[in-house]
Amino acid sequence: MPWKLASLGILLAAGFLHGCSSAESSPDPVAAETHYDRCEAKAAEFAIGKQASPQLLEQARTRSGAQIARILKPNDMVTLEYRSDRLNLNTDANLVVNRVNCG
């Protein structure tokens, strides 16, 4: 029985110390390298009228300065949170880009 209590104590101490680690205080290496704050949709307007593709999405994301990007089709369900670092390429039913915005 004492071994079980000692083992439990060690596990609790390890869990506590792990929870107190400085993982949050160290900067995210991806965010530190990219320095993205928000996207500029104007820089991605070259995509309007073009067929949506992964290559076009990546080009638009890079030019806009966005951290992430997505293609939105007419009836796609989307979340309502606003992200200033996300680029949206809105398409018609034929996947031709008709609108570019951030959020």
N, C-alpha and C. Protein backbone atom coordinates (compact mmCIF):
# COMPACT_ATOMS: atom_id res chain seq x y z
N MET A 1 0.80 -1.20 0.00
CA MET A 1 0.00 0.00 0.00
C MET A 1 0.85 1.28 0.00
N PRO A 2 1.95 1.36 0.80
CA PRO A 2 2.77 2.56 0.78
C PRO A 2 3.37 2.84 -0.60
N TRP A 3 3.68 1.77 -1.36
CA TRP A 3 4.24 1.97 -2.70
C TRP A 3 3.22 2.61 -3.63
N LYS A 4 1.97 2.23 -3.45
CA LYS A 4 0.91 2.83 -4.28
C LYS A 4 0.77 4.31 -3.99
N LEU A 5 0.82 4.68 -2.72
CA LEU A 5 0.72 6.09 -2.34
C LEU A 5 1.94 6.87 -2.83
N ALA A 6 3.11 6.26 -2.70
CA ALA A 6 4.32 6.93 -3.17
C ALA A 6 4.29 7.11 -4.68
N SER A 7 3.83 6.09 -5.40
CA SER A 7 3.73 6.18 -6.86
C SER A 7 2.74 7.24 -7.26
N LEU A 8 1.61 7.28 -6.57
CA LEU A 8 0.60 8.30 -6.86
C LEU A 8 1.14 9.69 -6.59
N GLY A 9 1.90 9.83 -5.51
CA GLY A 9 2.50 11.13 -5.19
C GLY A 9 3.48 11.57 -6.25
N ILE A 10 4.28 10.64 -6.73
CA ILE A 10 5.26 10.97 -7.77
C ILE A 10 4.54 11.37 -9.06
N LEU A 11 3.49 10.64 -9.41
CA LEU A 11 2.73 10.98 -10.62
C LEU A 11 2.08 12.35 -10.50
N LEU A 12 1.50 12.65 -9.35
CA LEU A 12 0.89 13.96 -9.16
C LEU A 12 1.92 15.08 -9.23
N ALA A 13 3.08 14.86 -8.62
CA ALA A 13 4.14 15.87 -8.67
C ALA A 13 4.62 16.08 -10.10
N ALA A 14 4.80 14.99 -10.84
CA ALA A 14 5.24 15.11 -12.24
C ALA A 14 4.19 15.84 -13.07
N GLY A 15 2.92 15.53 -12.85
CA GLY A 15 1.86 16.22 -13.58
C GLY A 15 1.81 17.70 -13.25
N PHE A 16 2.00 18.02 -11.96
CA PHE A 16 2.02 19.42 -11.55
C PHE A 16 3.19 20.16 -12.19
N LEU A 17 4.36 19.56 -12.17
CA LEU A 17 5.54 20.20 -12.76
C LEU A 17 5.40 20.35 -14.27
N HIS A 18 4.79 19.36 -14.89
CA HIS A 18 4.58 19.46 -16.34
C HIS A 18 3.62 20.61 -16.66
N GLY A 19 2.60 20.75 -15.84
CA GLY A 19 1.64 21.85 -16.04
C GLY A 19 2.27 23.21 -15.83
N CYS A 20 3.32 23.27 -15.05
CA CYS A 20 4.00 24.54 -14.78
C CYS A 20 5.14 24.80 -15.74
N SER A 21 5.32 23.95 -16.72
CA SER A 21 6.43 24.15 -17.66
C SER A 21 6.21 25.42 -18.46
N SER A 22 7.25 25.93 -19.04
CA SER A 22 7.19 27.21 -19.73
C SER A 22 6.89 27.07 -21.21
N ALA A 23 6.08 26.10 -21.59
CA ALA A 23 5.78 25.90 -23.01
C ALA A 23 5.06 27.11 -23.59
N GLU A 24 4.19 27.75 -22.81
CA GLU A 24 3.46 28.90 -23.32
C GLU A 24 4.33 30.14 -23.39
N SER A 25 5.34 30.24 -22.52
CA SER A 25 6.17 31.43 -22.52
C SER A 25 7.18 31.43 -23.66
N SER A 26 7.50 30.27 -24.20
CA SER A 26 8.43 30.24 -25.33
C SER A 26 7.65 30.58 -26.60
N PRO A 27 8.22 31.39 -27.47
CA PRO A 27 7.51 31.79 -28.67
C PRO A 27 7.28 30.62 -29.62
N ASP A 28 6.18 30.68 -30.32
CA ASP A 28 5.86 29.67 -31.31
C ASP A 28 6.83 29.84 -32.48
N PRO A 29 7.65 28.82 -32.81
CA PRO A 29 8.65 29.00 -33.87
C PRO A 29 8.03 29.31 -35.22
N VAL A 30 6.87 28.77 -35.53
CA VAL A 30 6.24 29.06 -36.82
C VAL A 30 5.79 30.51 -36.86
N ALA A 31 5.12 30.97 -35.81
CA ALA A 31 4.66 32.35 -35.77
C ALA A 31 5.84 33.31 -35.74
N ALA A 32 6.92 32.93 -35.06
CA ALA A 32 8.08 33.80 -34.97
C ALA A 32 8.75 33.96 -36.34
N GLU A 33 8.75 32.90 -37.14
CA GLU A 33 9.38 32.97 -38.45
C GLU A 33 8.54 33.72 -39.46
N THR A 34 7.22 33.57 -39.40
CA THR A 34 6.37 34.14 -40.43
C THR A 34 5.98 35.58 -40.17
N HIS A 35 5.85 36.00 -38.91
CA HIS A 35 5.48 37.37 -38.55
C HIS A 35 4.17 37.81 -39.19
N TYR A 36 3.19 36.92 -39.30
CA TYR A 36 1.90 37.28 -39.86
C TYR A 36 1.03 37.91 -38.79
N ASP A 37 0.51 39.08 -39.06
CA ASP A 37 -0.43 39.70 -38.15
C ASP A 37 -1.83 39.65 -38.73
N ARG A 38 -1.95 40.00 -39.98
CA ARG A 38 -3.26 39.97 -40.62
C ARG A 38 -3.06 39.90 -42.13
N CYS A 39 -4.11 39.57 -42.83
CA CYS A 39 -3.98 39.45 -44.28
C CYS A 39 -4.47 40.72 -44.97
N GLU A 40 -3.99 40.93 -46.16
CA GLU A 40 -4.39 42.05 -47.00
C GLU A 40 -5.07 41.48 -48.24
N ALA A 41 -6.39 41.49 -48.26
CA ALA A 41 -7.15 40.89 -49.35
C ALA A 41 -6.85 41.55 -50.70
N LYS A 42 -6.54 42.83 -50.69
CA LYS A 42 -6.27 43.55 -51.94
C LYS A 42 -5.13 42.88 -52.71
N ALA A 43 -4.13 42.36 -52.00
CA ALA A 43 -2.98 41.74 -52.65
C ALA A 43 -3.33 40.40 -53.30
N ALA A 44 -4.47 39.82 -52.94
CA ALA A 44 -4.88 38.52 -53.49
C ALA A 44 -5.97 38.65 -54.55
N GLU A 45 -6.35 39.87 -54.91
CA GLU A 45 -7.42 40.07 -55.88
C GLU A 45 -7.05 39.58 -57.28
N PHE A 46 -5.77 39.30 -57.51
CA PHE A 46 -5.38 38.74 -58.81
C PHE A 46 -6.07 37.41 -59.07
N ALA A 47 -6.54 36.74 -58.02
CA ALA A 47 -7.16 35.42 -58.14
C ALA A 47 -8.60 35.48 -58.66
N ILE A 48 -9.22 36.65 -58.61
CA ILE A 48 -10.61 36.77 -59.06
C ILE A 48 -10.69 36.45 -60.55
N GLY A 49 -11.64 35.58 -60.88
CA GLY A 49 -11.83 35.15 -62.27
C GLY A 49 -11.05 33.91 -62.64
N LYS A 50 -10.19 33.44 -61.76
CA LYS A 50 -9.39 32.25 -62.03
C LYS A 50 -10.01 31.02 -61.38
N GLN A 51 -9.68 29.86 -61.92
CA GLN A 51 -10.15 28.58 -61.38
C GLN A 51 -9.43 28.31 -60.06
N ALA A 52 -10.19 28.03 -59.01
CA ALA A 52 -9.60 27.75 -57.70
C ALA A 52 -8.83 26.44 -57.74
N SER A 53 -7.66 26.45 -57.14
CA SER A 53 -6.81 25.27 -57.05
C SER A 53 -5.92 25.43 -55.82
N PRO A 54 -5.33 24.34 -55.36
CA PRO A 54 -4.40 24.47 -54.23
C PRO A 54 -3.23 25.41 -54.53
N GLN A 55 -2.75 25.40 -55.77
CA GLN A 55 -1.63 26.27 -56.15
C GLN A 55 -2.06 27.75 -56.09
N LEU A 56 -3.24 28.06 -56.62
CA LEU A 56 -3.74 29.43 -56.59
C LEU A 56 -3.97 29.87 -55.15
N LEU A 57 -4.51 28.99 -54.34
CA LEU A 57 -4.75 29.30 -52.93
C LEU A 57 -3.44 29.66 -52.23
N GLU A 58 -2.41 28.89 -52.46
CA GLU A 58 -1.11 29.16 -51.82
C GLU A 58 -0.50 30.46 -52.32
N GLN A 59 -0.61 30.73 -53.62
CA GLN A 59 -0.10 32.00 -54.16
C GLN A 59 -0.83 33.18 -53.53
N ALA A 60 -2.14 33.08 -53.45
CA ALA A 60 -2.94 34.16 -52.88
C ALA A 60 -2.62 34.34 -51.40
N ARG A 61 -2.46 33.24 -50.68
CA ARG A 61 -2.13 33.31 -49.26
C ARG A 61 -0.79 34.01 -49.04
N THR A 62 0.19 33.63 -49.84
CA THR A 62 1.52 34.22 -49.72
C THR A 62 1.49 35.72 -50.02
N ARG A 63 0.86 36.08 -51.12
CA ARG A 63 0.82 37.50 -51.51
C ARG A 63 0.04 38.35 -50.52
N SER A 64 -1.00 37.78 -49.91
CA SER A 64 -1.82 38.56 -48.98
C SER A 64 -1.18 38.67 -47.60
N GLY A 65 -0.21 37.82 -47.32
CA GLY A 65 0.42 37.84 -46.01
C GLY A 65 -0.37 37.07 -44.97
N ALA A 66 -1.36 36.29 -45.40
CA ALA A 66 -2.19 35.52 -44.47
C ALA A 66 -1.44 34.30 -43.96
N GLN A 67 -1.79 33.88 -42.76
CA GLN A 67 -1.17 32.68 -42.21
C GLN A 67 -1.88 31.43 -42.74
N ILE A 68 -3.18 31.50 -42.90
CA ILE A 68 -3.95 30.37 -43.42
C ILE A 68 -4.91 30.87 -44.49
N ALA A 69 -5.37 29.96 -45.32
CA ALA A 69 -6.29 30.33 -46.39
C ALA A 69 -7.22 29.16 -46.66
N ARG A 70 -8.38 29.49 -47.23
CA ARG A 70 -9.34 28.44 -47.55
C ARG A 70 -10.16 28.85 -48.77
N ILE A 71 -10.68 27.84 -49.46
CA ILE A 71 -11.56 28.04 -50.60
C ILE A 71 -12.98 27.77 -50.12
N LEU A 72 -13.87 28.72 -50.37
CA LEU A 72 -15.26 28.58 -49.94
C LEU A 72 -16.17 28.48 -51.15
N LYS A 73 -16.88 27.35 -51.25
CA LYS A 73 -17.84 27.15 -52.33
C LYS A 73 -19.20 27.69 -51.89
N PRO A 74 -20.14 27.89 -52.81
CA PRO A 74 -21.41 28.56 -52.50
C PRO A 74 -22.17 28.01 -51.29
N ASN A 75 -22.26 26.73 -51.10
CA ASN A 75 -23.06 26.19 -50.01
C ASN A 75 -22.22 25.60 -48.88
N ASP A 76 -20.95 25.97 -48.81
CA ASP A 76 -20.09 25.48 -47.73
C ASP A 76 -20.53 26.07 -46.40
N MET A 77 -20.49 25.24 -45.37
CA MET A 77 -20.75 25.73 -44.02
C MET A 77 -19.43 26.29 -43.48
N VAL A 78 -19.50 27.45 -42.85
CA VAL A 78 -18.30 28.06 -42.29
C VAL A 78 -18.56 28.47 -40.85
N THR A 79 -17.50 28.57 -40.09
CA THR A 79 -17.61 29.04 -38.73
C THR A 79 -17.71 30.55 -38.73
N LEU A 80 -18.21 31.13 -37.67
CA LEU A 80 -18.45 32.56 -37.64
C LEU A 80 -17.35 33.36 -36.95
N GLU A 81 -16.28 32.70 -36.51
CA GLU A 81 -15.23 33.48 -35.85
C GLU A 81 -14.44 34.25 -36.90
N TYR A 82 -14.03 35.45 -36.53
CA TYR A 82 -13.24 36.28 -37.43
C TYR A 82 -11.77 36.08 -37.13
N ARG A 83 -11.00 35.78 -38.16
CA ARG A 83 -9.55 35.63 -38.02
C ARG A 83 -8.88 36.58 -38.99
N SER A 84 -8.19 37.55 -38.46
CA SER A 84 -7.55 38.55 -39.32
C SER A 84 -6.37 37.99 -40.09
N ASP A 85 -5.93 36.78 -39.75
CA ASP A 85 -4.79 36.17 -40.45
C ASP A 85 -5.23 35.10 -41.44
N ARG A 86 -6.54 35.05 -41.77
CA ARG A 86 -7.05 34.02 -42.69
C ARG A 86 -7.59 34.67 -43.97
N LEU A 87 -7.22 34.09 -45.10
CA LEU A 87 -7.70 34.54 -46.41
C LEU A 87 -8.78 33.59 -46.90
N ASN A 88 -9.86 34.14 -47.44
CA ASN A 88 -10.94 33.35 -48.01
C ASN A 88 -11.03 33.62 -49.51
N LEU A 89 -11.02 32.56 -50.30
CA LEU A 89 -11.30 32.68 -51.73
C LEU A 89 -12.70 32.13 -51.93
N ASN A 90 -13.66 33.01 -52.22
CA ASN A 90 -15.04 32.61 -52.44
C ASN A 90 -15.24 32.30 -53.91
N THR A 91 -15.87 31.16 -54.20
CA THR A 91 -16.03 30.72 -55.58
C THR A 91 -17.50 30.55 -55.93
N ASP A 92 -17.75 30.41 -57.23
CA ASP A 92 -19.08 30.05 -57.69
C ASP A 92 -19.16 28.53 -57.77
N ALA A 93 -20.25 28.02 -58.31
CA ALA A 93 -20.45 26.56 -58.38
C ALA A 93 -19.40 25.88 -59.26
N ASN A 94 -18.80 26.62 -60.20
CA ASN A 94 -17.78 26.06 -61.09
C ASN A 94 -16.36 26.24 -60.54
N LEU A 95 -16.26 26.64 -59.28
CA LEU A 95 -14.97 26.88 -58.60
C LEU A 95 -14.16 28.01 -59.22
N VAL A 96 -14.83 29.00 -59.78
CA VAL A 96 -14.15 30.20 -60.27
C VAL A 96 -14.24 31.23 -59.15
N VAL A 97 -13.10 31.79 -58.77
CA VAL A 97 -13.04 32.75 -57.67
C VAL A 97 -13.80 34.02 -58.06
N ASN A 98 -14.76 34.42 -57.21
CA ASN A 98 -15.53 35.64 -57.50
C ASN A 98 -15.39 36.69 -56.40
N ARG A 99 -14.73 36.34 -55.32
CA ARG A 99 -14.55 37.30 -54.22
C ARG A 99 -13.38 36.86 -53.36
N VAL A 100 -12.63 37.83 -52.87
CA VAL A 100 -11.49 37.56 -51.99
C VAL A 100 -11.68 38.43 -50.74
N ASN A 101 -11.59 37.82 -49.57
CA ASN A 101 -11.68 38.60 -48.34
C ASN A 101 -10.91 37.92 -47.23
N CYS A 102 -10.67 38.68 -46.17
CA CYS A 102 -9.99 38.15 -45.00
C CYS A 102 -11.01 37.93 -43.89
N GLY A 103 -10.71 36.99 -43.04
CA GLY A 103 -11.61 36.78 -41.90
C GLY A 103 -11.82 35.36 -41.53
